[in-house]
Amino acid sequence: MIAAFEDSNHVRIEVCLTRWTSEDMPDLSACAKAWELDADRRVAKPLAFQNVRCRAERVRTLEGLLSYLLYQLDFQLGEREWESVKNNKA
């Protein structure tokens, strides 16, 4: 799923998972970033970024988590592309 997303959007995806405990309940937080293919991540900014807490979004499976993150990144990348098209026409 991630490889197909990277190939179709010409980006590299980074996903980080963090364990949390909130209100004495275990939780998982995930952060996803989309990078240009040849970006130097030490100095570049990601093209898109999304953070989610699984309990808050009621995400129950790893596949659901990845799907949610990729949909959010896809929307942000689409907005970025749309803005660039609008700015080039002006």
C-alpha atoms as a PDB file:
ATOM      1  CA  MET A   1       0.000   0.000   0.000  1.00  0.00           C
ATOM      2  CA  ILE A   2       2.766   2.439   0.952  1.00  0.00           C
ATOM      3  CA  ALA A   3       4.908   1.501  -2.059  1.00  0.00           C
ATOM      4  CA  ALA A   4       1.976   2.060  -4.444  1.00  0.00           C
ATOM      5  CA  PHE A   5       1.293   5.460  -2.844  1.00  0.00           C
ATOM      6  CA  GLU A   6       4.952   6.444  -3.133  1.00  0.00           C
ATOM      7  CA  ASP A   7       5.108   5.369  -6.776  1.00  0.00           C
ATOM      8  CA  SER A   8       1.932   7.176  -7.820  1.00  0.00           C
ATOM      9  CA  ASN A   9       2.791  10.405  -5.962  1.00  0.00           C
ATOM     10  CA  HIS A  10       6.566  10.385  -6.566  1.00  0.00           C
ATOM     11  CA  VAL A  11       7.321  10.784  -2.848  1.00  0.00           C
ATOM     12  CA  ARG A  12       8.869   8.825   0.006  1.00  0.00           C
ATOM     13  CA  ILE A  13       6.692   8.091   3.038  1.00  0.00           C
ATOM     14  CA  GLU A  14       7.946   7.974   6.617  1.00  0.00           C
ATOM     15  CA  VAL A  15       5.718   6.550   9.369  1.00  0.00           C
ATOM     16  CA  CYS A  16       6.591   6.736  13.071  1.00  0.00           C
ATOM     17  CA  LEU A  17       4.641   5.013  15.854  1.00  0.00           C
ATOM     18  CA  THR A  18       4.630   6.083  19.497  1.00  0.00           C
ATOM     19  CA  ARG A  19       2.984   4.358  22.435  1.00  0.00           C
ATOM     20  CA  TRP A  20       0.941   6.576  24.766  1.00  0.00           C
ATOM     21  CA  THR A  21      -1.064   6.176  27.922  1.00  0.00           C
ATOM     22  CA  SER A  22      -3.917   8.608  28.286  1.00  0.00           C
ATOM     23  CA  GLU A  23      -6.408   8.435  31.125  1.00  0.00           C
ATOM     24  CA  ASP A  24      -4.823   5.111  32.167  1.00  0.00           C
ATOM     25  CA  MET A  25      -5.669   3.619  28.771  1.00  0.00           C
ATOM     26  CA  PRO A  26      -3.044   2.439  26.282  1.00  0.00           C
ATOM     27  CA  ASP A  27      -2.986   4.316  23.006  1.00  0.00           C
ATOM     28  CA  LEU A  28      -0.903   4.535  19.870  1.00  0.00           C
ATOM     29  CA  SER A  29       0.054   7.698  18.031  1.00  0.00           C
ATOM     30  CA  ALA A  30       1.236   7.656  14.426  1.00  0.00           C
ATOM     31  CA  CYS A  31       2.939  10.355  12.428  1.00  0.00           C
ATOM     32  CA  ALA A  32       3.322  10.193   8.649  1.00  0.00           C
ATOM     33  CA  LYS A  33       5.357  12.481   6.417  1.00  0.00           C
ATOM     34  CA  ALA A  34       5.648  12.683   2.646  1.00  0.00           C
ATOM     35  CA  TRP A  35       9.065  13.736   1.346  1.00  0.00           C
ATOM     36  CA  GLU A  36      10.392  14.623  -2.077  1.00  0.00           C
ATOM     37  CA  LEU A  37      12.251  11.643  -3.514  1.00  0.00           C
ATOM     38  CA  ASP A  38      15.710  13.175  -3.195  1.00  0.00           C
ATOM     39  CA  ALA A  39      15.090  15.402  -0.160  1.00  0.00           C
ATOM     40  CA  ASP A  40      17.801  15.828   2.454  1.00  0.00           C
ATOM     41  CA  ARG A  41      15.599  15.304   5.522  1.00  0.00           C
ATOM     42  CA  ARG A  42      18.057  17.121   7.764  1.00  0.00           C
ATOM     43  CA  VAL A  43      17.229  20.467   6.099  1.00  0.00           C
ATOM     44  CA  ALA A  44      14.119  19.950   3.944  1.00  0.00           C
ATOM     45  CA  LYS A  45      10.524  20.274   5.113  1.00  0.00           C
ATOM     46  CA  PRO A  46       8.067  17.471   4.365  1.00  0.00           C
ATOM     47  CA  LEU A  47       5.574  18.019   1.547  1.00  0.00           C
ATOM     48  CA  ALA A  48       2.766  16.746   3.782  1.00  0.00           C
ATOM     49  CA  PHE A  49       2.441  15.760   7.441  1.00  0.00           C
ATOM     50  CA  GLN A  50      -0.273  14.016   9.449  1.00  0.00           C
ATOM     51  CA  ASN A  51      -0.439  12.929  13.074  1.00  0.00           C
ATOM     52  CA  VAL A  52      -3.171  10.743  14.561  1.00  0.00           C
ATOM     53  CA  ARG A  53      -4.030   9.120  17.883  1.00  0.00           C
ATOM     54  CA  CYS A  54      -5.677   5.778  17.285  1.00  0.00           C
ATOM     55  CA  ARG A  55      -8.233   5.957  20.130  1.00  0.00           C
ATOM     56  CA  ALA A  56      -9.342   9.462  19.144  1.00  0.00           C
ATOM     57  CA  GLU A  57      -9.968   8.406  15.530  1.00  0.00           C
ATOM     58  CA  ARG A  58     -11.216   4.940  16.518  1.00  0.00           C
ATOM     59  CA  VAL A  59      -8.592   3.253  14.364  1.00  0.00           C
ATOM     60  CA  ARG A  60      -8.466  -0.439  15.262  1.00  0.00           C
ATOM     61  CA  THR A  61      -6.098  -2.069  12.763  1.00  0.00           C
ATOM     62  CA  LEU A  62      -2.700  -1.302  11.286  1.00  0.00           C
ATOM     63  CA  GLU A  63      -4.227  -1.360   7.795  1.00  0.00           C
ATOM     64  CA  GLY A  64      -6.870   1.133   8.906  1.00  0.00           C
ATOM     65  CA  LEU A  65      -4.197   3.348  10.420  1.00  0.00           C
ATOM     66  CA  LEU A  66      -2.083   3.345   7.260  1.00  0.00           C
ATOM     67  CA  SER A  67      -5.146   3.943   5.079  1.00  0.00           C
ATOM     68  CA  TYR A  68      -6.189   6.913   7.231  1.00  0.00           C
ATOM     69  CA  LEU A  69      -2.697   8.427   7.153  1.00  0.00           C
ATOM     70  CA  LEU A  70      -2.276   7.950   3.395  1.00  0.00           C
ATOM     71  CA  TYR A  71      -5.697   9.477   2.643  1.00  0.00           C
ATOM     72  CA  GLN A  72      -4.778  12.517   4.732  1.00  0.00           C
ATOM     73  CA  LEU A  73      -1.384  12.858   3.044  1.00  0.00           C
ATOM     74  CA  ASP A  74      -2.988  12.428  -0.383  1.00  0.00           C
ATOM     75  CA  PHE A  75      -5.421  15.261   0.368  1.00  0.00           C
ATOM     76  CA  GLN A  76      -2.590  17.560   1.477  1.00  0.00           C
ATOM     77  CA  LEU A  77      -0.484  16.708  -1.578  1.00  0.00           C
ATOM     78  CA  GLY A  78      -3.507  17.380  -3.797  1.00  0.00           C
ATOM     79  CA  GLU A  79      -4.063  20.770  -2.137  1.00  0.00           C
ATOM     80  CA  ARG A  80      -0.397  21.602  -2.661  1.00  0.00           C
ATOM     81  CA  GLU A  81      -0.591  20.630  -6.333  1.00  0.00           C
ATOM     82  CA  TRP A  82      -3.805  22.627  -6.824  1.00  0.00           C
ATOM     83  CA  GLU A  83      -2.232  25.742  -5.266  1.00  0.00           C
ATOM     84  CA  SER A  84       0.785  25.419  -7.537  1.00  0.00           C
ATOM     85  CA  VAL A  85      -1.465  25.137 -10.625  1.00  0.00           C
ATOM     86  CA  LYS A  86      -3.516  28.158  -9.525  1.00  0.00           C
ATOM     87  CA  ASN A  87      -0.370  30.225  -8.910  1.00  0.00           C
ATOM     88  CA  ASN A  88       1.112  29.312 -12.319  1.00  0.00           C
ATOM     89  CA  LYS A  89      -2.059  30.453 -14.133  1.00  0.00           C
ATOM     90  CA  ALA A  90      -2.065  33.839 -12.421  1.00  0.00           C
END
